[in-house]
PDB file of N, CA and C in Angstrom:
ATOM      1  N   MET A   1      17.212  -5.911  12.987  1.00  0.00           N
ATOM      2  CA  MET A   1      16.112  -5.504  12.131  1.00  0.00           C
ATOM      3  C   MET A   1      16.470  -4.179  11.461  1.00  0.00           C
ATOM      4  N   ARG A   2      16.198  -4.086  10.194  1.00  0.00           N
ATOM      5  CA  ARG A   2      16.479  -2.881   9.425  1.00  0.00           C
ATOM      6  C   ARG A   2      15.340  -1.885   9.603  1.00  0.00           C
ATOM      7  N   THR A   3      15.668  -0.642   9.809  1.00  0.00           N
ATOM      8  CA  THR A   3      14.677   0.419   9.912  1.00  0.00           C
ATOM      9  C   THR A   3      14.650   1.177   8.598  1.00  0.00           C
ATOM     10  N   LEU A   4      13.477   1.304   8.010  1.00  0.00           N
ATOM     11  CA  LEU A   4      13.344   2.018   6.743  1.00  0.00           C
ATOM     12  C   LEU A   4      12.974   3.469   7.009  1.00  0.00           C
ATOM     13  N   GLN A   5      13.497   4.341   6.220  1.00  0.00           N
ATOM     14  CA  GLN A   5      13.188   5.750   6.337  1.00  0.00           C
ATOM     15  C   GLN A   5      11.877   6.048   5.607  1.00  0.00           C
ATOM     16  N   PHE A   6      11.093   6.955   6.149  1.00  0.00           N
ATOM     17  CA  PHE A   6       9.815   7.320   5.560  1.00  0.00           C
ATOM     18  C   PHE A   6       9.974   7.778   4.112  1.00  0.00           C
ATOM     19  N   GLU A   7      11.060   8.458   3.813  1.00  0.00           N
ATOM     20  CA  GLU A   7      11.294   8.959   2.463  1.00  0.00           C
ATOM     21  C   GLU A   7      11.293   7.833   1.434  1.00  0.00           C
ATOM     22  N   GLN A   8      11.728   6.654   1.824  1.00  0.00           N
ATOM     23  CA  GLN A   8      11.748   5.506   0.919  1.00  0.00           C
ATOM     24  C   GLN A   8      10.324   5.151   0.472  1.00  0.00           C
ATOM     25  N   TYR A   9       9.369   5.233   1.384  1.00  0.00           N
ATOM     26  CA  TYR A   9       7.980   4.941   1.050  1.00  0.00           C
ATOM     27  C   TYR A   9       7.361   6.082   0.255  1.00  0.00           C
ATOM     28  N   TYR A  10       7.617   7.288   0.722  1.00  0.00           N
ATOM     29  CA  TYR A  10       7.014   8.468   0.105  1.00  0.00           C
ATOM     30  C   TYR A  10       7.428   8.603  -1.353  1.00  0.00           C
ATOM     31  N   ALA A  11       8.637   8.219  -1.693  1.00  0.00           N
ATOM     32  CA  ALA A  11       9.146   8.354  -3.058  1.00  0.00           C
ATOM     33  C   ALA A  11       8.347   7.514  -4.055  1.00  0.00           C
ATOM     34  N   GLN A  12       7.641   6.505  -3.595  1.00  0.00           N
ATOM     35  CA  GLN A  12       6.856   5.644  -4.488  1.00  0.00           C
ATOM     36  C   GLN A  12       5.481   6.232  -4.802  1.00  0.00           C
ATOM     37  N   HIS A  13       5.094   7.288  -4.105  1.00  0.00           N
ATOM     38  CA  HIS A  13       3.792   7.931  -4.302  1.00  0.00           C
ATOM     39  C   HIS A  13       3.998   9.357  -4.794  1.00  0.00           C
ATOM     40  N   SER A  14       3.044   9.865  -5.552  1.00  0.00           N
ATOM     41  CA  SER A  14       3.125  11.242  -6.025  1.00  0.00           C
ATOM     42  C   SER A  14       2.172  12.126  -5.229  1.00  0.00           C
ATOM     43  N   GLY A  15       2.193  11.976  -3.940  1.00  0.00           N
ATOM     44  CA  GLY A  15       1.335  12.749  -3.055  1.00  0.00           C
ATOM     45  C   GLY A  15       1.382  12.158  -1.657  1.00  0.00           C
ATOM     46  N   VAL A  16       0.430  12.566  -0.854  1.00  0.00           N
ATOM     47  CA  VAL A  16       0.354  12.151   0.545  1.00  0.00           C
ATOM     48  C   VAL A  16       0.009  10.669   0.651  1.00  0.00           C
ATOM     49  N   ILE A  17       0.635   9.977   1.608  1.00  0.00           N
ATOM     50  CA  ILE A  17       0.276   8.595   1.928  1.00  0.00           C
ATOM     51  C   ILE A  17      -0.868   8.642   2.925  1.00  0.00           C
ATOM     52  N   LEU A  18      -1.989   7.982   2.577  1.00  0.00           N
ATOM     53  CA  LEU A  18      -3.182   8.011   3.416  1.00  0.00           C
ATOM     54  C   LEU A  18      -3.183   6.937   4.492  1.00  0.00           C
ATOM     55  N   LYS A  19      -2.794   5.734   4.119  1.00  0.00           N
ATOM     56  CA  LYS A  19      -2.886   4.586   5.031  1.00  0.00           C
ATOM     57  C   LYS A  19      -1.704   3.653   4.822  1.00  0.00           C
ATOM     58  N   LEU A  20      -1.360   2.949   5.895  1.00  0.00           N
ATOM     59  CA  LEU A  20      -0.369   1.873   5.856  1.00  0.00           C
ATOM     60  C   LEU A  20      -1.007   0.640   6.478  1.00  0.00           C
ATOM     61  N   SER A  21      -0.682  -0.525   5.962  1.00  0.00           N
ATOM     62  CA  SER A  21      -1.181  -1.778   6.523  1.00  0.00           C
ATOM     63  C   SER A  21      -0.048  -2.791   6.539  1.00  0.00           C
ATOM     64  N   LEU A  22       0.171  -3.406   7.680  1.00  0.00           N
ATOM     65  CA  LEU A  22       1.207  -4.421   7.845  1.00  0.00           C
ATOM     66  C   LEU A  22       0.527  -5.776   8.001  1.00  0.00           C
ATOM     67  N   SER A  23       1.002  -6.775   7.265  1.00  0.00           N
ATOM     68  CA  SER A  23       0.434  -8.125   7.403  1.00  0.00           C
ATOM     69  C   SER A  23       0.727  -8.656   8.801  1.00  0.00           C
ATOM     70  N   ALA A  24      -0.112  -9.582   9.250  1.00  0.00           N
ATOM     71  CA  ALA A  24       0.021 -10.127  10.608  1.00  0.00           C
ATOM     72  C   ALA A  24       1.373 -10.793  10.834  1.00  0.00           C
ATOM     73  N   ASP A  25       1.928 -11.398   9.793  1.00  0.00           N
ATOM     74  CA  ASP A  25       3.222 -12.057   9.954  1.00  0.00           C
ATOM     75  C   ASP A  25       4.402 -11.109   9.743  1.00  0.00           C
ATOM     76  N   GLY A  26       4.105  -9.847   9.436  1.00  0.00           N
ATOM     77  CA  GLY A  26       5.156  -8.837   9.282  1.00  0.00           C
ATOM     78  C   GLY A  26       5.950  -8.926   7.995  1.00  0.00           C
ATOM     79  N   SER A  27       5.504  -9.755   7.061  1.00  0.00           N
ATOM     80  CA  SER A  27       6.264  -9.962   5.825  1.00  0.00           C
ATOM     81  C   SER A  27       5.946  -8.953   4.725  1.00  0.00           C
ATOM     82  N   ARG A  28       4.820  -8.254   4.841  1.00  0.00           N
ATOM     83  CA  ARG A  28       4.400  -7.318   3.812  1.00  0.00           C
ATOM     84  C   ARG A  28       3.860  -6.033   4.444  1.00  0.00           C
ATOM     85  N   LEU A  29       4.085  -4.937   3.732  1.00  0.00           N
ATOM     86  CA  LEU A  29       3.532  -3.643   4.109  1.00  0.00           C
ATOM     87  C   LEU A  29       2.891  -3.065   2.866  1.00  0.00           C
ATOM     88  N   ALA A  30       1.699  -2.488   3.007  1.00  0.00           N
ATOM     89  CA  ALA A  30       1.041  -1.823   1.887  1.00  0.00           C
ATOM     90  C   ALA A  30       0.842  -0.364   2.241  1.00  0.00           C
ATOM     91  N   SER A  31       1.125   0.510   1.284  1.00  0.00           N
ATOM     92  CA  SER A  31       0.883   1.939   1.462  1.00  0.00           C
ATOM     93  C   SER A  31      -0.127   2.384   0.420  1.00  0.00           C
ATOM     94  N   ALA A  32      -1.065   3.243   0.833  1.00  0.00           N
ATOM     95  CA  ALA A  32      -2.095   3.765  -0.056  1.00  0.00           C
ATOM     96  C   ALA A  32      -1.988   5.279  -0.062  1.00  0.00           C
ATOM     97  N   GLY A  33      -1.973   5.867  -1.261  1.00  0.00           N
ATOM     98  CA  GLY A  33      -1.795   7.307  -1.359  1.00  0.00           C
ATOM     99  C   GLY A  33      -2.917   8.016  -2.081  1.00  0.00           C
ATOM    100  N   VAL A  34      -2.914   9.352  -1.979  1.00  0.00           N
ATOM    101  CA  VAL A  34      -3.905  10.160  -2.680  1.00  0.00           C
ATOM    102  C   VAL A  34      -3.733  10.054  -4.191  1.00  0.00           C
ATOM    103  N   ASP A  35      -2.608   9.536  -4.636  1.00  0.00           N
ATOM    104  CA  ASP A  35      -2.373   9.314  -6.064  1.00  0.00           C
ATOM    105  C   ASP A  35      -3.115   8.086  -6.575  1.00  0.00           C
ATOM    106  N   GLU A  36      -3.917   7.463  -5.694  1.00  0.00           N
ATOM    107  CA  GLU A  36      -4.715   6.276  -5.998  1.00  0.00           C
ATOM    108  C   GLU A  36      -3.853   5.090  -6.391  1.00  0.00           C
ATOM    109  N   LYS A  37      -2.693   4.990  -5.748  1.00  0.00           N
ATOM    110  CA  LYS A  37      -1.807   3.841  -5.942  1.00  0.00           C
ATOM    111  C   LYS A  37      -1.654   3.102  -4.622  1.00  0.00           C
ATOM    112  N   ILE A  38      -1.583   1.773  -4.726  1.00  0.00           N
ATOM    113  CA  ILE A  38      -1.239   0.909  -3.610  1.00  0.00           C
ATOM    114  C   ILE A  38       0.146   0.363  -3.925  1.00  0.00           C
ATOM    115  N   VAL A  39       1.060   0.483  -2.977  1.00  0.00           N
ATOM    116  CA  VAL A  39       2.392  -0.091  -3.150  1.00  0.00           C
ATOM    117  C   VAL A  39       2.559  -1.170  -2.093  1.00  0.00           C
ATOM    118  N   VAL A  40       2.915  -2.381  -2.520  1.00  0.00           N
ATOM    119  CA  VAL A  40       3.117  -3.501  -1.602  1.00  0.00           C
ATOM    120  C   VAL A  40       4.616  -3.745  -1.493  1.00  0.00           C
ATOM    121  N   TRP A  41       5.088  -3.800  -0.259  1.00  0.00           N
ATOM    122  CA  TRP A  41       6.513  -3.915   0.055  1.00  0.00           C
ATOM    123  C   TRP A  41       6.825  -5.246   0.708  1.00  0.00           C
ATOM    124  N   GLU A  42       7.982  -5.809   0.416  1.00  0.00           N
ATOM    125  CA  GLU A  42       8.504  -6.974   1.130  1.00  0.00           C
ATOM    126  C   GLU A  42       9.272  -6.443   2.333  1.00  0.00           C
ATOM    127  N   MET A  43       8.945  -6.969   3.486  1.00  0.00           N
ATOM    128  CA  MET A  43       9.600  -6.514   4.709  1.00  0.00           C
ATOM    129  C   MET A  43      10.482  -7.626   5.268  1.00  0.00           C
ATOM    130  N   PRO A  44      11.580  -7.348   5.921  1.00  0.00           N
ATOM    131  CA  PRO A  44      12.076  -6.016   6.261  1.00  0.00           C
ATOM    132  C   PRO A  44      12.975  -5.403   5.194  1.00  0.00           C
ATOM    133  N   ALA A  45      13.114  -6.033   4.041  1.00  0.00           N
ATOM    134  CA  ALA A  45      14.032  -5.547   3.010  1.00  0.00           C
ATOM    135  C   ALA A  45      13.626  -4.193   2.433  1.00  0.00           C
ATOM    136  N   GLY A  46      12.320  -3.901   2.415  1.00  0.00           N
ATOM    137  CA  GLY A  46      11.851  -2.649   1.844  1.00  0.00           C
ATOM    138  C   GLY A  46      11.786  -2.665   0.336  1.00  0.00           C
ATOM    139  N   LYS A  47      11.724  -3.860  -0.244  1.00  0.00           N
ATOM    140  CA  LYS A  47      11.664  -4.015  -1.699  1.00  0.00           C
ATOM    141  C   LYS A  47      10.213  -3.915  -2.172  1.00  0.00           C
ATOM    142  N   VAL A  48       9.985  -3.139  -3.243  1.00  0.00           N
ATOM    143  CA  VAL A  48       8.643  -3.033  -3.819  1.00  0.00           C
ATOM    144  C   VAL A  48       8.323  -4.329  -4.555  1.00  0.00           C
ATOM    145  N   ILE A  49       7.216  -4.964  -4.168  1.00  0.00           N
ATOM    146  CA  ILE A  49       6.767  -6.199  -4.794  1.00  0.00           C
ATOM    147  C   ILE A  49       5.801  -5.885  -5.934  1.00  0.00           C
ATOM    148  N   ARG A  50       4.900  -4.931  -5.676  1.00  0.00           N
ATOM    149  CA  ARG A  50       3.880  -4.618  -6.673  1.00  0.00           C
ATOM    150  C   ARG A  50       3.333  -3.224  -6.440  1.00  0.00           C
ATOM    151  N   THR A  51       3.004  -2.557  -7.534  1.00  0.00           N
ATOM    152  CA  THR A  51       2.309  -1.272  -7.486  1.00  0.00           C
ATOM    153  C   THR A  51       0.994  -1.448  -8.233  1.00  0.00           C
ATOM    154  N   ILE A  52      -0.093  -1.065  -7.577  1.00  0.00           N
ATOM    155  CA  ILE A  52      -1.428  -1.228  -8.147  1.00  0.00           C
ATOM    156  C   ILE A  52      -2.051   0.150  -8.314  1.00  0.00           C
ATOM    157  N   SER A  53      -2.519   0.453  -9.509  1.00  0.00           N
ATOM    158  CA  SER A  53      -3.217   1.709  -9.762  1.00  0.00           C
ATOM    159  C   SER A  53      -4.699   1.479  -9.504  1.00  0.00           C
ATOM    160  N   VAL A  54      -5.194   2.002  -8.397  1.00  0.00           N
ATOM    161  CA  VAL A  54      -6.591   1.810  -8.034  1.00  0.00           C
ATOM    162  C   VAL A  54      -7.496   2.556  -9.015  1.00  0.00           C
ATOM    163  N   ALA A  55      -7.050   3.678  -9.545  1.00  0.00           N
ATOM    164  CA  ALA A  55      -7.852   4.451 -10.503  1.00  0.00           C
ATOM    165  C   ALA A  55      -8.215   3.603 -11.716  1.00  0.00           C
ATOM    166  N   GLU A  56      -7.329   2.714 -12.132  1.00  0.00           N
ATOM    167  CA  GLU A  56      -7.599   1.849 -13.281  1.00  0.00           C
ATOM    168  C   GLU A  56      -8.515   0.691 -12.928  1.00  0.00           C
ATOM    169  N   GLU A  57      -8.595   0.332 -11.645  1.00  0.00           N
ATOM    170  CA  GLU A  57      -9.358  -0.830 -11.208  1.00  0.00           C
ATOM    171  C   GLU A  57     -10.763  -0.490 -10.733  1.00  0.00           C
ATOM    172  N   ARG A  58     -11.017   0.768 -10.407  1.00  0.00           N
ATOM    173  CA  ARG A  58     -12.296   1.111  -9.787  1.00  0.00           C
ATOM    174  C   ARG A  58     -13.402   1.325 -10.809  1.00  0.00           C
ATOM    175  N   TYR A  59     -14.614   1.355 -10.292  1.00  0.00           N
ATOM    176  CA  TYR A  59     -15.781   1.584 -11.125  1.00  0.00           C
ATOM    177  C   TYR A  59     -16.513   2.803 -10.597  1.00  0.00           C
ATOM    178  N   GLY A  60     -17.069   3.598 -11.468  1.00  0.00           N
ATOM    179  CA  GLY A  60     -17.807   4.775 -11.039  1.00  0.00           C
ATOM    180  C   GLY A  60     -16.900   5.838 -10.454  1.00  0.00           C
ATOM    181  N   THR A  61     -17.416   6.514  -9.427  1.00  0.00           N
ATOM    182  CA  THR A  61     -16.672   7.626  -8.831  1.00  0.00           C
ATOM    183  C   THR A  61     -16.207   7.314  -7.417  1.00  0.00           C
ATOM    184  N   GLN A  62     -16.142   6.049  -7.070  1.00  0.00           N
ATOM    185  CA  GLN A  62     -15.693   5.689  -5.725  1.00  0.00           C
ATOM    186  C   GLN A  62     -14.270   6.158  -5.496  1.00  0.00           C
ATOM    187  N   ARG A  63     -13.996   6.563  -4.261  1.00  0.00           N
ATOM    188  CA  ARG A  63     -12.685   7.041  -3.868  1.00  0.00           C
ATOM    189  C   ARG A  63     -12.085   6.070  -2.861  1.00  0.00           C
ATOM    190  N   MET A  64     -10.808   5.758  -3.031  1.00  0.00           N
ATOM    191  CA  MET A  64     -10.116   4.849  -2.116  1.00  0.00           C
ATOM    192  C   MET A  64     -10.053   5.481  -0.729  1.00  0.00           C
ATOM    193  N   THR A  65     -10.405   4.715   0.295  1.00  0.00           N
ATOM    194  CA  THR A  65     -10.391   5.246   1.660  1.00  0.00           C
ATOM    195  C   THR A  65      -9.439   4.500   2.589  1.00  0.00           C
ATOM    196  N   GLY A  66      -8.745   3.494   2.094  1.00  0.00           N
ATOM    197  CA  GLY A  66      -7.828   2.752   2.952  1.00  0.00           C
ATOM    198  C   GLY A  66      -7.200   1.589   2.226  1.00  0.00           C
ATOM    199  N   VAL A  67      -6.528   0.756   2.997  1.00  0.00           N
ATOM    200  CA  VAL A  67      -5.908  -0.449   2.456  1.00  0.00           C
ATOM    201  C   VAL A  67      -5.767  -1.447   3.594  1.00  0.00           C
ATOM    202  N   ALA A  68      -5.931  -2.722   3.291  1.00  0.00           N
ATOM    203  CA  ALA A  68      -5.750  -3.775   4.288  1.00  0.00           C
ATOM    204  C   ALA A  68      -5.109  -4.981   3.623  1.00  0.00           C
ATOM    205  N   LEU A  69      -4.213  -5.616   4.342  1.00  0.00           N
ATOM    206  CA  LEU A  69      -3.557  -6.840   3.866  1.00  0.00           C
ATOM    207  C   LEU A  69      -4.129  -8.043   4.590  1.00  0.00           C
ATOM    208  N   SER A  70      -4.204  -9.159   3.900  1.00  0.00           N
ATOM    209  CA  SER A  70      -4.593 -10.409   4.549  1.00  0.00           C
ATOM    210  C   SER A  70      -3.497 -10.797   5.535  1.00  0.00           C
ATOM    211  N   PRO A  71      -3.802 -11.675   6.505  1.00  0.00           N
ATOM    212  CA  PRO A  71      -2.793 -12.053   7.499  1.00  0.00           C
ATOM    213  C   PRO A  71      -1.477 -12.565   6.906  1.00  0.00           C
ATOM    214  N   ASP A  72      -1.553 -13.273   5.759  1.00  0.00           N
ATOM    215  CA  ASP A  72      -0.322 -13.785   5.156  1.00  0.00           C
ATOM    216  C   ASP A  72       0.312 -12.797   4.170  1.00  0.00           C
ATOM    217  N   GLY A  73      -0.337 -11.636   3.957  1.00  0.00           N
ATOM    218  CA  GLY A  73       0.208 -10.607   3.084  1.00  0.00           C
ATOM    219  C   GLY A  73       0.072 -10.868   1.605  1.00  0.00           C
ATOM    220  N   LYS A  74      -0.711 -11.870   1.223  1.00  0.00           N
ATOM    221  CA  LYS A  74      -0.819 -12.234  -0.192  1.00  0.00           C
ATOM    222  C   LYS A  74      -2.018 -11.584  -0.902  1.00  0.00           C
ATOM    223  N   SER A  75      -2.952 -11.017  -0.147  1.00  0.00           N
ATOM    224  CA  SER A  75      -4.118 -10.371  -0.730  1.00  0.00           C
ATOM    225  C   SER A  75      -4.263  -8.957  -0.191  1.00  0.00           C
ATOM    226  N   VAL A  76      -4.753  -8.062  -1.043  1.00  0.00           N
ATOM    227  CA  VAL A  76      -4.951  -6.664  -0.659  1.00  0.00           C
ATOM    228  C   VAL A  76      -6.415  -6.319  -0.832  1.00  0.00           C
ATOM    229  N   ALA A  77      -6.990  -5.649   0.181  1.00  0.00           N
ATOM    230  CA  ALA A  77      -8.371  -5.153   0.092  1.00  0.00           C
ATOM    231  C   ALA A  77      -8.317  -3.625   0.091  1.00  0.00           C
ATOM    232  N   VAL A  78      -9.119  -3.012  -0.783  1.00  0.00           N
ATOM    233  CA  VAL A  78      -9.141  -1.556  -0.898  1.00  0.00           C
ATOM    234  C   VAL A  78     -10.583  -1.089  -0.772  1.00  0.00           C
ATOM    235  N   PRO A  79     -10.960  -0.532   0.396  1.00  0.00           N
ATOM    236  CA  PRO A  79     -12.327  -0.022   0.541  1.00  0.00           C
ATOM    237  C   PRO A  79     -12.476   1.324  -0.157  1.00  0.00           C
ATOM    238  N   GLY A  80     -13.705   1.633  -0.543  1.00  0.00           N
ATOM    239  CA  GLY A  80     -14.006   2.919  -1.159  1.00  0.00           C
ATOM    240  C   GLY A  80     -15.265   3.500  -0.563  1.00  0.00           C
ATOM    241  N   ASP A  81     -15.503   4.751  -0.871  1.00  0.00           N
ATOM    242  CA  ASP A  81     -16.736   5.356  -0.357  1.00  0.00           C
ATOM    243  C   ASP A  81     -17.728   5.559  -1.473  1.00  0.00           C
TER     244      ASP A  81
END
């Protein structure tokens, strides 16, 4: 199994990473940062599959408070306050 360095994840965000979520099957990892971006990774390769700008998707003044992946890693949920 390949071990990824934290710097690899951090480089995709322009600030602190708030939350990480791993799919139940271990195939996907999502990182959520204060930059209001969600980055979805293919595991264990560490390849970026998709970057989502939550700031562009949200309504009102809600702030992202986390991230969760579905068990198969194909859907992302982003709660706000």
